[in-house]
Each structure stands twice: as C-alpha cells, then as structure tokens.
Protein backbone atom coordinates (compact mmCIF):
# COMPACT_ATOMS: atom_id res chain seq x y z
CA MET A 1 0.00 0.00 0.00
CA VAL A 2 1.27 3.46 -0.95
CA THR A 3 0.84 5.88 1.96
CA SER A 4 2.67 9.01 0.76
CA CYS A 5 3.56 10.94 -2.40
CA HIS A 6 7.27 10.20 -1.89
CA GLN A 7 6.63 6.46 -1.58
CA GLY A 8 4.39 6.60 -4.64
CA ALA A 9 7.14 8.31 -6.64
CA ASN A 10 9.57 5.50 -5.77
CA VAL A 11 7.07 2.84 -6.82
CA ILE A 12 6.43 4.58 -10.14
CA GLU A 13 10.13 5.02 -10.81
CA LYS A 14 10.92 1.36 -10.18
CA ARG A 15 7.92 -0.35 -11.74
CA LEU A 16 6.52 1.95 -14.41
CA HIS A 17 9.55 3.71 -15.87
CA ASN A 18 9.55 3.52 -19.69
CA LYS A 19 6.33 1.47 -19.67
CA ARG A 20 3.14 2.41 -21.46
CA VAL A 21 0.64 3.23 -18.72
CA LEU A 22 -2.74 4.77 -18.02
CA LEU A 23 -2.37 6.71 -14.75
CA VAL A 24 -5.40 8.35 -13.09
CA LEU A 25 -4.81 10.85 -10.28
CA ASP A 26 -8.15 11.76 -8.73
CA ASP A 27 -9.00 14.82 -6.63
CA VAL A 28 -5.50 16.34 -6.66
CA ASP A 29 -5.29 19.39 -4.41
CA HIS A 30 -1.53 19.96 -3.89
CA ARG A 31 1.26 20.65 -6.37
CA ASP A 32 3.58 18.10 -4.74
CA GLN A 33 1.11 15.31 -5.55
CA LEU A 34 1.59 15.99 -9.26
CA ASP A 35 5.33 16.52 -8.96
CA ASN A 36 5.83 13.22 -7.12
CA LEU A 37 3.35 11.01 -8.95
CA ALA A 38 3.50 12.39 -12.50
CA GLY A 39 6.75 14.29 -12.62
CA GLY A 40 7.19 14.67 -16.36
CA PRO A 41 6.64 13.13 -19.81
CA ASP A 42 9.93 11.20 -19.60
CA TRP A 43 8.73 9.21 -16.59
CA PHE A 44 6.61 6.87 -18.70
CA GLY A 45 6.84 5.09 -22.03
CA PRO A 46 5.48 6.25 -25.40
CA GLY A 47 1.70 6.24 -25.69
CA SER A 48 1.14 6.71 -21.95
CA ARG A 49 -1.83 8.75 -20.73
CA ILE A 50 -2.05 10.61 -17.41
CA ILE A 51 -5.53 11.79 -16.35
CA VAL A 52 -5.76 14.25 -13.47
CA THR A 53 -8.93 15.50 -11.79
CA THR A 54 -8.72 18.57 -9.60
CA ARG A 55 -10.78 21.48 -8.27
CA ASP A 56 -7.91 23.89 -9.00
CA LYS A 57 -6.95 24.54 -12.60
CA HIS A 58 -3.85 26.50 -11.54
CA LEU A 59 -2.27 23.27 -10.24
CA LEU A 60 -2.33 21.95 -13.80
CA THR A 61 -0.97 25.19 -15.24
CA ALA A 62 1.87 25.30 -12.70
CA HIS A 63 2.78 21.70 -13.53
CA GLY A 64 2.91 22.43 -17.25
CA VAL A 65 -0.21 20.53 -18.26
CA THR A 66 -1.22 21.77 -21.71
CA SER A 67 -4.40 19.80 -22.43
CA THR A 68 -7.32 20.39 -20.05
CA TYR A 69 -11.05 19.73 -20.08
CA LYS A 70 -13.59 21.45 -17.87
CA ALA A 71 -16.53 19.22 -17.02
CA LYS A 72 -19.77 20.75 -18.23
CA GLU A 73 -23.08 20.91 -16.43
CA LEU A 74 -25.58 18.26 -17.47
CA ASP A 75 -28.59 19.20 -19.58
CA PHE A 76 -32.14 18.57 -18.36
CA HIS A 77 -32.42 15.08 -19.89
CA GLU A 78 -29.02 13.96 -18.55
CA SER A 79 -29.80 15.45 -15.15
CA SER A 80 -33.16 13.68 -14.98
CA GLU A 81 -31.57 10.34 -15.84
CA LEU A 82 -28.76 10.65 -13.27
CA PHE A 83 -31.21 11.83 -10.62
CA SER A 84 -33.61 8.97 -11.38
CA TRP A 85 -30.88 6.35 -11.09
CA ASN A 86 -30.05 7.65 -7.62
CA SER A 87 -33.62 8.08 -6.40
CA PHE A 88 -35.49 5.23 -8.17
CA LYS A 89 -32.68 2.90 -9.39
CA ARG A 90 -34.00 3.30 -12.95
CA ASP A 91 -33.46 5.79 -15.77
CA LYS A 92 -36.93 7.39 -15.57
CA PRO A 93 -39.14 8.34 -12.62
CA PRO A 94 -42.63 6.90 -11.98
CA ASN A 95 -45.38 9.01 -13.58
CA ASP A 96 -46.56 10.52 -10.29
CA TYR A 97 -43.02 11.75 -9.51
CA VAL A 98 -42.25 13.38 -12.88
CA LYS A 99 -43.06 16.96 -11.83
CA LEU A 100 -41.16 16.59 -8.56
CA VAL A 101 -38.11 15.28 -10.40
CA GLY A 102 -38.36 18.34 -12.65
CA ARG A 103 -38.29 20.58 -9.56
CA ALA A 104 -35.27 18.75 -8.16
CA VAL A 105 -33.41 18.94 -11.48
CA CYS A 106 -34.10 22.68 -11.76
CA TYR A 107 -32.79 23.15 -8.22
CA THR A 108 -29.49 21.38 -8.94
CA LYS A 109 -28.88 23.26 -12.24
CA GLY A 110 -27.06 20.33 -13.86
CA LEU A 111 -24.45 19.79 -11.10
CA PRO A 112 -23.75 16.02 -10.95
CA LEU A 113 -22.74 15.91 -7.27
CA ALA A 114 -25.92 17.75 -6.28
CA LEU A 115 -28.06 15.41 -8.40
CA THR A 116 -26.41 12.38 -6.78
CA VAL A 117 -26.72 13.66 -3.22
CA LEU A 118 -30.30 14.88 -3.59
CA GLY A 119 -31.42 11.76 -5.45
CA SER A 120 -29.99 9.50 -2.75
CA HIS A 121 -31.55 11.63 -0.01
CA LEU A 122 -35.04 11.39 -1.54
CA CYS A 123 -34.80 7.71 -2.46
CA GLY A 124 -37.68 5.70 -0.98
CA ARG A 125 -39.56 8.74 0.34
CA SER A 126 -43.21 9.55 -0.24
CA ILE A 127 -44.54 12.27 -2.53
CA GLU A 128 -45.44 14.46 0.46
CA GLU A 129 -41.94 14.03 1.87
CA TRP A 130 -40.47 15.02 -1.50
CA LYS A 131 -42.60 18.17 -1.61
CA ASP A 132 -41.62 19.13 1.93
CA ALA A 133 -37.92 18.54 1.29
CA LEU A 134 -37.89 20.55 -1.95
CA ASP A 135 -39.79 23.39 -0.29
CA SER A 136 -37.21 23.47 2.50
CA TYR A 137 -34.29 23.66 0.05
CA GLU A 138 -35.72 26.87 -1.40
CA LEU A 139 -35.22 28.46 2.03
CA ILE A 140 -32.20 26.62 3.42
CA PRO A 141 -29.82 24.73 1.05
CA ASN A 142 -29.21 21.01 1.48
CA LYS A 143 -26.45 20.67 4.08
CA GLU A 144 -24.64 17.72 2.48
CA ILE A 145 -24.40 19.50 -0.88
CA GLN A 146 -23.20 22.64 0.87
CA GLU A 147 -20.44 20.80 2.71
CA ILE A 148 -19.09 19.34 -0.54
CA LEU A 149 -19.16 22.73 -2.27
CA LYS A 150 -17.42 24.36 0.70
CA ILE A 151 -14.27 22.24 0.22
CA SER A 152 -12.90 24.72 -2.33
CA PHE A 153 -14.14 27.73 -0.35
CA ASN A 154 -12.42 26.53 2.83
CA GLY A 155 -9.09 26.40 1.01
CA LEU A 156 -9.16 30.11 0.13
CA GLU A 157 -7.21 32.90 1.78
CA HIS A 158 -9.24 35.22 4.01
CA PHE A 159 -9.48 38.07 1.50
CA GLN A 160 -10.41 35.61 -1.27
CA LYS A 161 -13.27 34.33 0.89
CA GLU A 162 -14.44 37.91 1.40
CA VAL A 163 -14.45 38.55 -2.36
CA PHE A 164 -16.38 35.34 -2.97
CA LEU A 165 -19.01 36.22 -0.37
CA ASP A 166 -19.36 39.78 -1.68
CA ILE A 167 -19.95 38.50 -5.22
CA ALA A 168 -22.37 35.79 -4.05
CA CYS A 169 -24.39 38.25 -1.97
CA PHE A 170 -24.26 41.40 -4.12
CA PHE A 171 -22.42 41.28 -7.43
CA LYS A 172 -23.39 38.21 -9.43
CA GLY A 173 -24.27 39.37 -12.94
CA GLU A 174 -22.42 42.69 -12.64
CA LYS A 175 -19.58 43.94 -14.83
CA LYS A 176 -16.21 42.65 -13.66
CA ASP A 177 -14.37 45.97 -14.09
CA ASP A 178 -16.92 47.86 -11.99
CA ILE A 179 -16.75 45.32 -9.17
CA VAL A 180 -12.95 45.26 -9.23
CA ASP A 181 -12.97 49.02 -8.57
CA ILE A 182 -15.41 48.61 -5.67
CA LEU A 183 -13.54 45.71 -4.05
CA ARG A 184 -10.16 47.37 -4.53
CA SER A 185 -11.38 50.27 -2.37
CA CYS A 186 -12.01 47.67 0.37
CA ASP A 187 -8.37 46.40 0.19
CA LEU A 188 -9.48 42.95 -0.99
CA PHE A 189 -6.98 42.50 -3.88
CA PRO A 190 -9.78 41.70 -6.35
CA VAL A 191 -7.72 41.01 -9.49
CA ILE A 192 -5.82 38.04 -8.06
CA SER A 193 -8.79 37.00 -5.91
CA ILE A 194 -11.10 36.75 -8.93
CA ARG A 195 -8.45 34.79 -10.85
CA VAL A 196 -8.13 32.30 -7.97
CA LEU A 197 -11.92 31.92 -7.76
CA ILE A 198 -12.07 31.23 -11.50
CA ASP A 199 -9.25 28.66 -11.28
CA LYS A 200 -11.15 26.87 -8.49
CA SER A 201 -14.41 26.92 -10.52
CA LEU A 202 -16.10 29.10 -7.90
CA LEU A 203 -16.63 31.93 -10.38
CA ALA A 204 -16.74 32.55 -14.12
CA ILE A 205 -16.62 35.54 -16.46
CA ASN A 206 -19.08 35.38 -19.35
CA GLU A 207 -18.65 36.71 -22.88
CA HIS A 208 -19.94 40.13 -21.78
CA ASN A 209 -17.32 40.42 -19.01
CA MET A 210 -19.99 39.84 -16.35
CA LEU A 211 -19.42 37.91 -13.14
CA SER A 212 -21.15 34.53 -13.32
CA MET A 213 -21.64 31.96 -10.56
CA HIS A 214 -23.56 28.68 -10.32
CA ASP A 215 -26.80 29.11 -8.38
CA LEU A 216 -25.79 26.51 -5.78
CA LEU A 217 -22.50 28.33 -5.14
CA GLU A 218 -24.44 31.56 -4.73
CA ASP A 219 -26.73 29.79 -2.26
CA MET A 220 -23.68 28.45 -0.41
CA GLY A 221 -22.19 31.92 -0.02
CA LYS A 222 -25.44 33.39 1.25
CA GLU A 223 -25.92 30.48 3.65
CA ILE A 224 -22.41 30.99 5.06
CA VAL A 225 -23.37 34.59 5.85
CA ARG A 226 -26.80 33.60 7.22
CA GLU A 227 -25.17 31.11 9.59
CA GLU A 228 -23.15 33.94 11.15
CA SER A 229 -26.37 34.78 13.01
CA PRO A 230 -29.42 32.72 11.95
CA ASN A 231 -31.92 34.67 14.04
CA GLU A 232 -30.42 38.18 14.13
CA PRO A 233 -29.83 39.68 10.66
CA GLY A 234 -28.23 42.75 12.25
CA GLU A 235 -25.29 40.63 13.42
CA ARG A 236 -24.45 39.30 9.96
CA SER A 237 -21.62 40.73 7.89
CA ARG A 238 -23.81 41.25 4.82
CA LEU A 239 -27.48 41.92 4.09
CA TRP A 240 -29.11 41.52 0.67
CA PHE A 241 -32.72 40.45 1.40
CA HIS A 242 -34.86 43.58 1.48
CA LYS A 243 -36.99 42.39 4.43
CA ASP A 244 -33.88 41.83 6.55
CA VAL A 245 -32.55 45.27 5.60
CA CYS A 246 -35.86 46.94 6.51
CA GLU A 247 -36.04 45.05 9.82
CA VAL A 248 -32.50 46.00 10.78
CA LEU A 249 -32.97 49.67 9.85
CA THR A 250 -36.36 49.86 11.60
CA LYS A 251 -35.15 48.21 14.81
CA GLN A 252 -31.69 49.82 14.59
CA THR A 253 -30.05 46.48 15.40
CA VAL A 254 -26.94 46.86 13.22
CA ARG A 255 -23.94 45.79 15.30
CA LYS A 256 -21.16 44.53 13.10
CA ILE A 257 -22.04 44.67 9.41
CA SER A 258 -18.75 45.20 7.59
CA LEU A 259 -20.21 45.72 4.12
CA LEU A 260 -23.65 46.76 2.95
CA ILE A 261 -23.58 48.04 -0.62
CA SER A 262 -26.51 49.00 -2.79
CA TYR A 263 -25.09 48.80 -6.30
C-alpha cells in the first residue's frame, strides 16, 4: 500500500519507468502530488496517458499541463436520468413523480454531485416528503451538498473568501471591471482573488465580461453569511434580502455589518 507521495514516486520510478501506462490521479489538491506522482513526460513510455482531476486549474498550469477539459453541467435530460438512477434505481421516474423530479433537477442546475446527493436523499420517500424537502431547500440549502461545495471555499485565503461572499451576496451578474474598482477600495486585492476563484471553478466571467456563478455556489455563499447569526440579521456581515434590511434599519439592530452596498 502506498501511503505518501514520496513512496508513490519511488514505486512509479521502479515499476513503471519507460512502460506504457494509463495513470489516473483523482482529486489532486496539492502541487507536490503531481510533482511526485507524475513528474514529467519522460517518466513513462510512449503512448502513456495521465488523467488528473482537480478542483484547482492552476495546479495543472503550474505543472505544465497543456491539455485540459472542464466538465460541463448536465442538460435537463441527462440530469433527470442521473437523478432517477439515484432516487429510483431506474433511468426514468414513476409518472406521479415526474413533476417533482423536474423541480429537483431545476434546483441542482445540472451539477452532478448535487443530483447524486439529492437523489440518494429522496430515495424511498413519499410524494409528500419530497414536496416538503424541496420546499425546505428553497429556504435553506441542502447541508450535504453545501459541505461538498465548501471544500474549495475553505481552502481560500481570508481576502479571497471575502471577495467570494461579496460577489455571491451582491455582485453576481455585474460587470467585472466595476466590481474590481469597488472591491479594490475595500483592500481585498480583487484582481488576483477573482483569478483564484475562477481557477477553483467558484466563479466565471461570461462573454460580456460579467461575473457569473452557479446558483448553488451563490446559495452556499449566502448560507455561510446567514449562519453567522441565523436569528439576528443585524449581526451578519452582509445583508441583501430587502426584508432583513428593513427590519435592521427599523429596529436599529446593526452591530457589526462590515459591508452593505446597494449597487
């Protein structure tokens, strides 16, 4: 059994050197994993293929990987099929569940991990239980999905987390250049922060230079802020829901909001 990158490098050097191999490195999150387990093209024989999966594109760039593929979101049909396999163990839902499956698929927005988690969670449950669960997710996101999505967020520097939360709460769909100017005035180093968020697939820039973010990532960011004080909006760092803003201003309960921007 290989228990470390260094040990793995020794095994590869002794057993696989100059051999034609298919090597799959899954969920790589540190540069040394690539350096030790797939050091360079001369490590393996002609025709070898090395497949790496990672949440951080910059790891591949820093290692000199030239051919990359970004996994795309599933379309509605693909999403329905994956969801059905996890919830009903078949490729299509029973007739009386079709509309509920449509709601679940719309909620996940084509994200495979969300479809898998949600499908497994609802497997074997009644129609009423499905309705109740889906209603609850519109208010509070599914915790298991959130924890998986937070893996990349938790690996960010403090100021990168702040930029992510600001975009999730306020600036999704806004022009990148305008938001860079705003965040720069808050000493949040937005140019490098936005690049890191893009590399980690937490953010995207569309063809119109607008900030784009998957709906579930937006929900995650807002839920992180909501959890700062579930029952007292005035103690949260950010407010975006108009009823919370009105309540805080009416009751004058603002205590520690660090950023409240109407843009």
